[in-house]
Amino acid sequence: MGKIYIIDVTNRDGVQTARLGLSKLEKTIINLYLNEMGIFQSEFGFPTTHHESRYLRANLELAEIGVLKPIRLEGWMRAVAEDVELCFKRVPEIKHLNLSISTSDQMITGKFLGTKNQQDIINMMVEAVDAARAHGAETVGVNAEDGSRTSLEFLVRFGLAAREHGATRLRYCDTLGYDSPFTIYDTARALAENVDLPIEIHCHGDLGMAVANSIAGAKGAIDGGQDAYINTTVNGVGERAGNADLVAVLLAVTKARGFGEQYQLGNEIDLTKSWRIARFASYAFGVPIPINQPGVGANAFAHASGIHADGVLKDPDNYELYGFEELGRGEPELVETGREISTGQYSGISGFRYVMDEIEGEEAIHFRDAEEAERVLELVRYANVLAQKPLVEDELLFIARHPDIARQLLTMTPLG
C-alpha cells in the first residue's frame, strides 16, 4: 500500500500571494518549524531568482550541518533548460527540484499565444529534466500546471515522457481549484496506473475544496498503486483563495472517518507543532488565522451552546474530534498591559540584553561578552529593518545561535 507524504509549498506558492510576503529569515523559521513537525519536504524557494540565492544556500548549509534535517529542501522553477542551468549556477548545492510548465489547451493557446503545441511542451519539459539530471539532481518532480483542465490523454503522454527522462514524481496541479473530490480521484488514479510514477497533488481553494480534493487525489494515487505527495501551505495562504491548509490536511488524513486506517502517512508527524507554526505564519504574513480554521482557529475548541458546553465538560469526546493538546495548544496567552521592551531597528544594547535574558530554560542564550551581544544585536537590527516588525523569540534565538548564516539571510546584493 502506498503512503502519503507532505510537501509544504508556503515558501514558494504562499509567498506568491498578492499583498503578502516573508523575509528570508521568516522563510527560514518556517523551514525550521516544518522540519520539527516531520514534514517530508519544503519547496523552499526560487533558485533562478537572484535575491533568493543567499537564502537558499544558507538553508542548504543548515541542512548540511544537521539543523535542517531530515526535511528535504526543493527548489521550484519553470521547466525550461535555461532556467535549470541558471539554477545550478546560482545554487550549485541544490539536489531536489520541481520543474513546472503549463499543459492545458487553455494555457497553450491563451498563455503561449499559439507559439507552442503539445509536443513543444513535452520537448521543453524533457530538456529541462535532462539538464537537471546532468547537473546531479537527486529528485526531479515535473509539474503539469493547470492539469485539471488538461486532457487525461495528454497528461499520460506528458508523464510517460517525464519518467523516461528520469523524473521521479508527476505533480498534478489543480491550478484554478476546478476539480471536485470525484474528478480528482479518477484522474489521480488513472495517472498512477498509466504513468507509473508517484503522484503529487497540488490543489487551490477557488471552489472551497482544496483540502477535500487533496485527500481524494491522494486516495486515487494510492489506489492506483503509487505513493501520494500532498502539497500544502501553512494556514492555507496562497494565490487567490489559497492552497490546501497544512494542519487541516494532516487532521483529515489522520482523523477522518475510516481514512487513516488504510491511507497512512509515510513518516511520523508531530501534530503538537501545529499551533506554533500556524501562529508564527499568521504573525509573519500579517494575516489573522480565520476564527473557524480547523485545529488552530480561535473557535476550533470554543463552545457556547448550552447543550454543547454541558456535553464537552462531561466528556470532551462528545463534541471534539481531537484534543487541543494534540495540536500544541493550551498555554496561556500573555498580553502586555504595562511596560514592554521589544527589539527593533533602533534598539540599544541594554534593551536587547534585557529581552534575551527574559528567555528562560534550555533555550536561553548567554553571551560571552558585550562585544558578542553587540554583534548579534546588529544582525537583529537588520532583520527588523527587513521584516518591519519586532522579531519573535525563535527568530532572536536563531540569529544568536547561527549569526554567520543569519548574515547571509540578511544580505541583499542587487544585480548591477
Protein backbone atom coordinates (compact mmCIF):
# COMPACT_ATOMS: atom_id res chain seq x y z
CA MET A 1 0.00 0.00 0.00
CA GLY A 2 1.33 3.43 -0.92
CA LYS A 3 1.93 6.15 1.63
CA ILE A 4 1.12 9.87 1.88
CA TYR A 5 3.91 12.43 2.17
CA ILE A 6 3.55 16.16 2.72
CA ILE A 7 5.38 18.72 0.60
CA ASP A 8 4.76 22.17 2.02
CA VAL A 9 4.94 24.99 -0.52
CA THR A 10 4.46 28.00 1.77
CA ASN A 11 7.87 29.40 0.86
CA ARG A 12 7.08 29.20 -2.85
CA ASP A 13 3.34 29.34 -3.52
CA GLY A 14 2.45 31.06 -0.26
CA VAL A 15 4.83 33.97 -0.80
CA GLN A 16 3.44 34.48 -4.31
CA THR A 17 0.18 35.61 -2.73
CA ALA A 18 -0.80 39.14 -3.72
CA ARG A 19 -0.09 41.73 -0.98
CA LEU A 20 1.81 39.21 1.16
CA GLY A 21 5.40 38.11 1.60
CA LEU A 22 8.04 36.87 4.02
CA SER A 23 11.57 37.98 4.81
CA LYS A 24 14.35 35.47 4.22
CA LEU A 25 14.68 34.99 7.97
CA GLU A 26 10.94 34.32 8.26
CA LYS A 27 11.12 31.78 5.43
CA THR A 28 13.98 30.07 7.27
CA ILE A 29 11.98 29.90 10.51
CA ILE A 30 9.10 28.32 8.54
CA ASN A 31 11.54 25.67 7.28
CA LEU A 32 12.75 25.02 10.83
CA TYR A 33 9.19 24.55 12.08
CA LEU A 34 8.31 22.26 9.14
CA ASN A 35 11.37 20.16 9.94
CA GLU A 36 10.37 19.91 13.61
CA MET A 37 6.89 18.77 12.55
CA GLY A 38 8.34 15.98 10.42
CA ILE A 39 7.20 17.39 7.06
CA PHE A 40 8.85 15.43 4.24
CA GLN A 41 9.85 18.34 2.01
CA SER A 42 9.74 22.13 1.81
CA GLU A 43 9.51 23.84 -1.54
CA PHE A 44 11.76 26.48 -0.12
CA GLY A 45 12.13 28.98 -2.92
CA PHE A 46 13.16 30.05 -6.41
CA PRO A 47 16.74 29.12 -7.35
CA THR A 48 16.65 31.21 -10.54
CA THR A 49 15.77 34.39 -8.64
CA HIS A 50 18.87 36.39 -7.72
CA HIS A 51 17.61 37.73 -4.38
CA GLU A 52 16.80 34.18 -3.23
CA SER A 53 20.26 32.70 -3.81
CA ARG A 54 21.88 33.64 -0.47
CA TYR A 55 18.81 32.47 1.44
CA LEU A 56 18.69 29.17 -0.45
CA ARG A 57 22.38 28.47 0.02
CA ALA A 58 22.17 29.42 3.71
CA ASN A 59 19.32 26.94 4.24
CA LEU A 60 21.20 24.22 2.39
CA GLU A 61 24.12 24.95 4.72
CA LEU A 62 21.75 24.49 7.67
CA ALA A 63 20.82 21.13 6.19
CA GLU A 64 24.48 20.21 5.77
CA ILE A 65 25.25 20.88 9.44
CA GLY A 66 22.15 18.97 10.59
CA VAL A 67 19.95 21.89 11.67
CA LEU A 68 17.50 21.31 8.80
CA LYS A 69 17.33 17.52 8.75
CA PRO A 70 15.70 15.23 7.75
CA ILE A 71 13.46 17.59 5.74
CA ARG A 72 14.27 17.88 2.04
CA LEU A 73 14.70 21.35 0.56
CA GLU A 74 13.46 21.59 -3.01
CA GLY A 75 13.54 24.48 -5.48
CA TRP A 76 10.86 25.41 -7.99
CA MET A 77 11.39 26.78 -11.49
CA ARG A 78 9.96 26.71 -14.97
CA ALA A 79 10.55 23.53 -16.96
CA VAL A 80 12.99 25.34 -19.20
CA ALA A 81 16.55 24.08 -19.68
CA GLU A 82 17.97 27.61 -19.42
CA ASP A 83 16.30 28.02 -16.02
CA VAL A 84 17.86 24.77 -14.82
CA GLU A 85 21.29 25.96 -15.93
CA LEU A 86 20.79 29.27 -14.13
CA CYS A 87 19.60 27.41 -11.02
CA PHE A 88 22.81 25.40 -10.73
CA LYS A 89 24.90 28.47 -11.48
CA ARG A 90 23.35 30.34 -8.55
CA VAL A 91 22.70 27.44 -6.15
CA PRO A 92 25.06 24.62 -7.16
CA GLU A 93 24.44 22.67 -3.92
CA ILE A 94 20.74 22.08 -4.63
CA LYS A 95 19.67 18.44 -5.02
CA HIS A 96 15.87 18.47 -5.28
CA LEU A 97 13.86 20.30 -7.96
CA ASN A 98 10.32 20.74 -9.23
CA LEU A 99 10.02 21.84 -12.86
CA SER A 100 6.74 23.41 -13.94
CA ILE A 101 5.09 24.01 -17.31
CA SER A 102 1.51 24.66 -18.41
CA THR A 103 -0.22 21.73 -20.11
CA SER A 104 -3.87 22.69 -20.77
CA ASP A 105 -5.19 23.79 -24.17
CA GLN A 106 -6.34 26.98 -22.49
CA MET A 107 -2.79 27.80 -21.35
CA ILE A 108 -1.14 26.66 -24.58
CA THR A 109 -3.47 28.95 -26.51
CA GLY A 110 -4.01 31.76 -24.03
CA LYS A 111 -0.60 31.90 -22.33
CA PHE A 112 1.79 30.82 -25.10
CA LEU A 113 -0.43 32.59 -27.67
CA GLY A 114 -0.20 29.80 -30.19
CA THR A 115 3.61 29.68 -30.30
CA LYS A 116 3.65 26.18 -28.74
CA ASN A 117 1.82 22.92 -29.25
CA GLN A 118 1.57 19.85 -27.03
CA GLN A 119 4.72 18.27 -28.42
CA ASP A 120 6.64 21.51 -27.82
CA ILE A 121 5.51 21.39 -24.18
CA ILE A 122 6.83 17.84 -23.81
CA ASN A 123 10.09 18.71 -25.56
CA MET A 124 10.72 21.71 -23.27
CA MET A 125 9.97 19.61 -20.20
CA VAL A 126 12.24 16.69 -21.09
CA GLU A 127 15.10 19.06 -21.99
CA ALA A 128 14.75 20.61 -18.53
CA VAL A 129 14.67 17.19 -16.84
CA ASP A 130 17.74 16.11 -18.80
CA ALA A 131 19.57 19.26 -17.71
CA ALA A 132 18.65 18.72 -14.06
CA ARG A 133 19.85 15.12 -14.16
CA ALA A 134 23.06 16.15 -15.89
CA HIS A 135 23.77 18.52 -13.00
CA GLY A 136 23.28 15.74 -10.46
CA ALA A 137 19.78 16.46 -9.19
CA GLU A 138 18.73 13.58 -6.93
CA THR A 139 14.99 14.06 -7.38
CA VAL A 140 13.10 15.89 -10.13
CA GLY A 141 9.39 16.47 -9.87
CA VAL A 142 7.60 17.53 -13.06
CA ASN A 143 4.57 19.79 -12.69
CA ALA A 144 1.61 19.82 -15.06
CA GLU A 145 0.30 23.33 -14.41
CA ASP A 146 -3.46 23.60 -14.99
CA GLY A 147 -3.60 19.83 -15.03
CA SER A 148 -7.29 19.80 -14.12
CA ARG A 149 -8.08 21.48 -17.46
CA THR A 150 -5.73 19.20 -19.41
CA SER A 151 -6.94 16.08 -21.21
CA LEU A 152 -6.07 12.82 -19.48
CA GLU A 153 -4.56 11.50 -22.70
CA PHE A 154 -2.04 14.35 -22.84
CA LEU A 155 -1.30 14.15 -19.11
CA VAL A 156 -0.39 10.48 -19.55
CA ARG A 157 1.87 11.23 -22.53
CA PHE A 158 3.46 14.09 -20.60
CA GLY A 159 4.03 11.90 -17.53
CA LEU A 160 5.46 8.97 -19.51
CA ALA A 161 7.95 11.28 -21.23
CA ALA A 162 8.95 12.72 -17.86
CA ARG A 163 9.50 9.24 -16.42
CA GLU A 164 11.52 8.12 -19.45
CA HIS A 165 13.93 11.02 -18.90
CA GLY A 166 14.39 10.40 -15.18
CA ALA A 167 11.66 12.39 -13.41
CA THR A 168 10.84 10.95 -10.00
CA ARG A 169 7.32 12.39 -9.47
CA LEU A 170 4.47 13.84 -11.51
CA ARG A 171 2.73 16.83 -9.93
CA TYR A 172 -0.91 17.16 -10.92
CA CYS A 173 -1.86 20.80 -10.41
CA ASP A 174 -5.46 21.84 -9.89
CA THR A 175 -4.22 25.37 -10.50
CA LEU A 176 -7.63 27.06 -10.55
CA GLY A 177 -9.35 24.87 -7.95
CA TYR A 178 -11.52 23.45 -10.74
CA ASP A 179 -11.63 19.83 -9.59
CA SER A 180 -14.06 18.11 -7.25
CA PRO A 181 -13.13 15.17 -4.99
CA PHE A 182 -14.74 12.84 -7.53
CA THR A 183 -12.90 14.09 -10.64
CA ILE A 184 -9.51 14.39 -8.96
CA TYR A 185 -9.77 10.87 -7.57
CA ASP A 186 -10.40 9.44 -11.03
CA THR A 187 -7.59 11.46 -12.63
CA ALA A 188 -5.00 10.75 -9.92
CA ARG A 189 -5.77 7.04 -10.04
CA ALA A 190 -5.55 6.94 -13.83
CA LEU A 191 -2.20 8.78 -13.78
CA ALA A 192 -0.80 6.45 -11.12
CA GLU A 193 -1.86 3.38 -13.07
CA ASN A 194 -0.74 4.58 -16.51
CA VAL A 195 2.35 6.70 -15.81
CA ASP A 196 3.81 4.53 -13.04
CA LEU A 197 5.24 7.45 -11.05
CA PRO A 198 4.37 8.74 -7.58
CA ILE A 199 1.72 11.46 -7.91
CA GLU A 200 1.85 14.88 -6.30
CA ILE A 201 -1.47 16.59 -5.64
CA HIS A 202 -1.46 20.40 -5.75
CA CYS A 203 -4.83 21.99 -5.02
CA HIS A 204 -6.21 25.52 -4.74
CA GLY A 205 -9.34 26.69 -2.95
CA ASP A 206 -11.24 28.66 -5.60
CA LEU A 207 -14.30 26.46 -5.01
CA GLY A 208 -13.54 25.79 -1.35
CA MET A 209 -12.43 22.19 -1.86
CA ALA A 210 -8.62 22.31 -1.65
CA VAL A 211 -8.33 20.03 1.39
CA ALA A 212 -11.06 17.62 0.25
CA ASN A 213 -9.53 17.43 -3.22
CA SER A 214 -6.07 16.81 -1.78
CA ILE A 215 -7.32 13.87 0.27
CA ALA A 216 -9.35 12.44 -2.62
CA GLY A 217 -6.42 12.84 -5.00
CA ALA A 218 -4.07 11.10 -2.59
CA LYS A 219 -6.53 8.24 -2.27
CA GLY A 220 -6.69 7.96 -6.06
CA ALA A 221 -2.90 7.84 -6.37
CA ILE A 222 -2.58 5.15 -3.70
CA ASP A 223 -5.46 3.11 -5.12
CA GLY A 224 -3.59 3.33 -8.43
CA GLY A 225 -0.54 1.74 -6.84
CA GLN A 226 1.68 4.76 -6.14
CA ASP A 227 2.75 6.95 -3.23
CA ALA A 228 0.94 10.27 -2.94
CA TYR A 229 2.53 13.64 -2.16
CA ILE A 230 0.14 16.35 -0.99
CA ASN A 231 1.12 19.99 -1.40
CA THR A 232 0.12 22.29 1.47
CA THR A 233 0.72 25.78 2.81
CA VAL A 234 0.62 26.97 6.41
CA ASN A 235 -2.82 28.45 7.18
CA GLY A 236 -3.77 27.80 3.55
CA VAL A 237 -2.05 31.01 2.41
CA GLY A 238 -1.72 31.07 -1.36
CA GLU A 239 -2.71 32.77 -4.56
CA ARG A 240 -6.33 33.90 -4.88
CA ALA A 241 -8.40 31.73 -2.49
CA GLY A 242 -5.34 29.90 -1.20
CA ASN A 243 -3.95 26.37 -1.11
CA ALA A 244 -4.71 23.27 0.93
CA ASP A 245 -4.03 24.13 4.59
CA LEU A 246 -1.22 22.12 6.20
CA VAL A 247 -2.91 21.45 9.54
CA ALA A 248 -6.33 20.72 8.01
CA VAL A 249 -4.76 18.19 5.62
CA LEU A 250 -2.91 16.45 8.45
CA LEU A 251 -6.08 16.32 10.54
CA ALA A 252 -8.08 14.96 7.62
CA VAL A 253 -5.51 12.26 6.87
CA THR A 254 -5.26 11.15 10.50
CA LYS A 255 -8.74 11.82 11.88
CA ALA A 256 -11.29 11.46 9.07
CA ARG A 257 -13.67 8.53 9.39
CA GLY A 258 -12.03 5.34 8.19
CA PHE A 259 -9.32 7.11 6.18
CA GLY A 260 -6.26 6.86 8.41
CA GLU A 261 -6.64 3.12 8.94
CA GLN A 262 -5.99 2.47 5.23
CA TYR A 263 -4.19 5.57 3.88
CA GLN A 264 -1.29 6.40 6.14
CA LEU A 265 1.43 8.99 6.34
CA GLY A 266 4.83 7.79 5.18
CA ASN A 267 6.72 9.42 8.02
CA GLU A 268 5.95 10.43 11.59
CA ILE A 269 4.33 13.84 12.05
CA ASP A 270 4.41 15.79 15.31
CA LEU A 271 1.00 17.46 15.38
CA THR A 272 1.88 19.28 18.61
CA LYS A 273 3.91 21.74 16.48
CA SER A 274 0.75 22.82 14.63
CA TRP A 275 -0.19 25.77 16.81
CA ARG A 276 3.35 27.11 16.87
CA ILE A 277 3.80 27.18 13.08
CA ALA A 278 0.29 28.49 12.42
CA ARG A 279 0.73 31.31 14.90
CA PHE A 280 4.13 32.28 13.50
CA ALA A 281 2.91 32.26 9.89
CA SER A 282 -0.03 34.44 10.89
CA TYR A 283 2.32 36.95 12.51
CA ALA A 284 4.90 36.83 9.71
CA PHE A 285 2.36 37.23 6.89
CA GLY A 286 0.30 39.71 8.89
CA VAL A 287 -2.86 37.68 8.25
CA PRO A 288 -5.06 36.58 11.20
CA ILE A 289 -5.88 32.89 11.47
CA PRO A 290 -9.56 32.54 10.48
CA ILE A 291 -11.71 32.10 13.59
CA ASN A 292 -13.10 28.81 12.24
CA GLN A 293 -9.80 27.39 10.94
CA PRO A 294 -9.64 23.63 11.70
CA GLY A 295 -7.48 22.91 14.73
CA VAL A 296 -5.89 26.34 15.14
CA GLY A 297 -8.74 28.86 14.78
CA ALA A 298 -9.92 30.75 17.85
CA ASN A 299 -13.24 28.89 17.79
CA ALA A 300 -11.85 25.42 17.00
CA PHE A 301 -12.38 24.37 20.65
CA ALA A 302 -14.87 27.05 21.76
CA HIS A 303 -18.33 26.00 22.91
CA ALA A 304 -21.23 28.39 23.55
CA SER A 305 -24.38 26.32 23.11
CA GLY A 306 -25.65 25.08 26.46
CA ILE A 307 -26.05 21.53 25.18
CA HIS A 308 -22.56 21.52 23.65
CA ALA A 309 -20.91 23.10 26.69
CA ASP A 310 -22.56 20.63 29.04
CA GLY A 311 -21.58 17.72 26.83
CA VAL A 312 -17.96 18.72 26.36
CA LEU A 313 -17.49 19.33 30.08
CA LYS A 314 -18.77 15.84 30.81
CA ASP A 315 -16.53 14.28 28.16
CA PRO A 316 -14.59 16.25 25.51
CA ASP A 317 -15.13 13.42 23.03
CA ASN A 318 -18.81 14.32 22.98
CA TYR A 319 -18.17 17.43 20.86
CA GLU A 320 -14.49 17.36 19.87
CA LEU A 321 -12.92 15.01 17.33
CA TYR A 322 -9.44 15.67 18.74
CA GLY A 323 -7.99 17.46 21.73
CA PHE A 324 -6.43 20.90 21.66
CA GLU A 325 -3.36 19.42 23.37
CA GLU A 326 -2.70 17.28 20.27
CA LEU A 327 -2.06 20.47 18.31
CA GLY A 328 0.22 22.06 20.89
CA ARG A 329 -2.43 24.46 22.17
CA GLY A 330 -3.26 25.21 25.76
CA GLU A 331 -0.63 27.63 27.03
CA PRO A 332 -1.99 30.94 28.38
CA GLU A 333 -1.98 33.95 26.07
CA LEU A 334 0.06 36.72 27.65
CA VAL A 335 -0.82 40.33 26.84
CA GLU A 336 1.49 43.12 27.97
CA THR A 337 -0.53 45.84 29.69
CA GLY A 338 2.33 47.71 31.30
CA ARG A 339 5.96 48.18 30.35
CA GLU A 340 7.12 46.25 27.29
CA ILE A 341 10.63 46.12 25.85
CA SER A 342 10.93 44.86 22.29
CA THR A 343 13.82 44.62 19.84
CA GLY A 344 13.81 46.74 16.72
CA GLN A 345 16.00 48.54 14.22
CA TYR A 346 16.82 51.25 16.76
CA SER A 347 17.27 49.03 19.83
CA GLY A 348 20.15 49.60 22.21
CA ILE A 349 22.29 47.02 23.91
CA SER A 350 20.60 47.33 27.31
CA GLY A 351 17.13 46.69 25.96
CA PHE A 352 18.39 43.85 23.79
CA ARG A 353 20.17 42.09 26.65
CA TYR A 354 17.05 42.52 28.78
CA VAL A 355 14.92 40.80 26.12
CA MET A 356 17.40 37.95 25.71
CA ASP A 357 17.65 37.49 29.48
CA GLU A 358 13.86 37.07 29.60
CA ILE A 359 14.16 33.88 27.51
CA GLU A 360 14.25 31.11 30.08
CA GLY A 361 15.07 27.41 30.27
CA GLU A 362 17.18 25.42 27.85
CA GLU A 363 16.52 27.98 25.11
CA ALA A 364 18.26 30.78 27.00
CA ILE A 365 21.22 32.50 25.35
CA HIS A 366 24.11 33.80 27.45
CA PHE A 367 26.60 35.99 25.62
CA ARG A 368 30.28 35.62 26.41
CA ASP A 369 30.82 39.37 26.49
CA ALA A 370 29.38 42.72 25.45
CA GLU A 371 31.13 42.55 22.08
CA GLU A 372 29.35 39.30 21.14
CA ALA A 373 26.00 40.74 22.25
CA GLU A 374 26.61 43.85 20.13
CA ARG A 375 27.40 41.76 17.04
CA VAL A 376 24.17 39.79 17.41
CA LEU A 377 22.17 42.96 18.11
CA GLU A 378 23.41 44.48 14.85
CA LEU A 379 22.06 41.45 12.99
CA VAL A 380 18.77 41.77 14.88
CA ARG A 381 18.52 45.40 13.80
CA TYR A 382 18.98 44.44 10.15
CA ALA A 383 16.42 41.64 10.46
CA ASN A 384 13.93 44.11 11.89
CA VAL A 385 14.54 46.53 9.02
CA LEU A 386 13.69 43.75 6.55
CA ALA A 387 10.64 42.46 8.43
CA GLN A 388 9.37 45.86 9.63
CA LYS A 389 8.07 44.32 12.83
CA PRO A 390 9.57 43.07 16.12
CA LEU A 391 11.20 39.65 15.93
CA VAL A 392 9.70 36.73 17.79
CA GLU A 393 11.66 34.67 20.30
CA ASP A 394 12.60 31.91 17.86
CA GLU A 395 13.98 34.43 15.38
CA LEU A 396 16.15 36.01 18.08
CA LEU A 397 17.40 32.60 19.16
CA PHE A 398 18.19 31.60 15.58
CA ILE A 399 20.24 34.75 14.99
CA ALA A 400 22.13 34.29 18.27
CA ARG A 401 22.91 30.62 17.52
CA HIS A 402 23.72 30.98 13.83
CA PRO A 403 24.98 34.55 13.31
CA ASP A 404 27.01 33.74 10.19
CA ILE A 405 24.07 32.08 8.47
CA ALA A 406 21.77 34.90 9.63
CA ARG A 407 24.15 37.38 7.99
CA GLN A 408 23.67 35.56 4.68
CA LEU A 409 19.89 35.71 5.06
CA LEU A 410 20.00 39.45 5.70
CA THR A 411 22.36 40.29 2.82
CA MET A 412 20.93 41.58 -0.44
CA THR A 413 23.18 42.29 -3.44
CA PRO A 414 21.22 43.77 -6.35
CA LEU A 415 22.29 42.92 -9.87
CA GLY A 416 24.12 45.80 -11.48
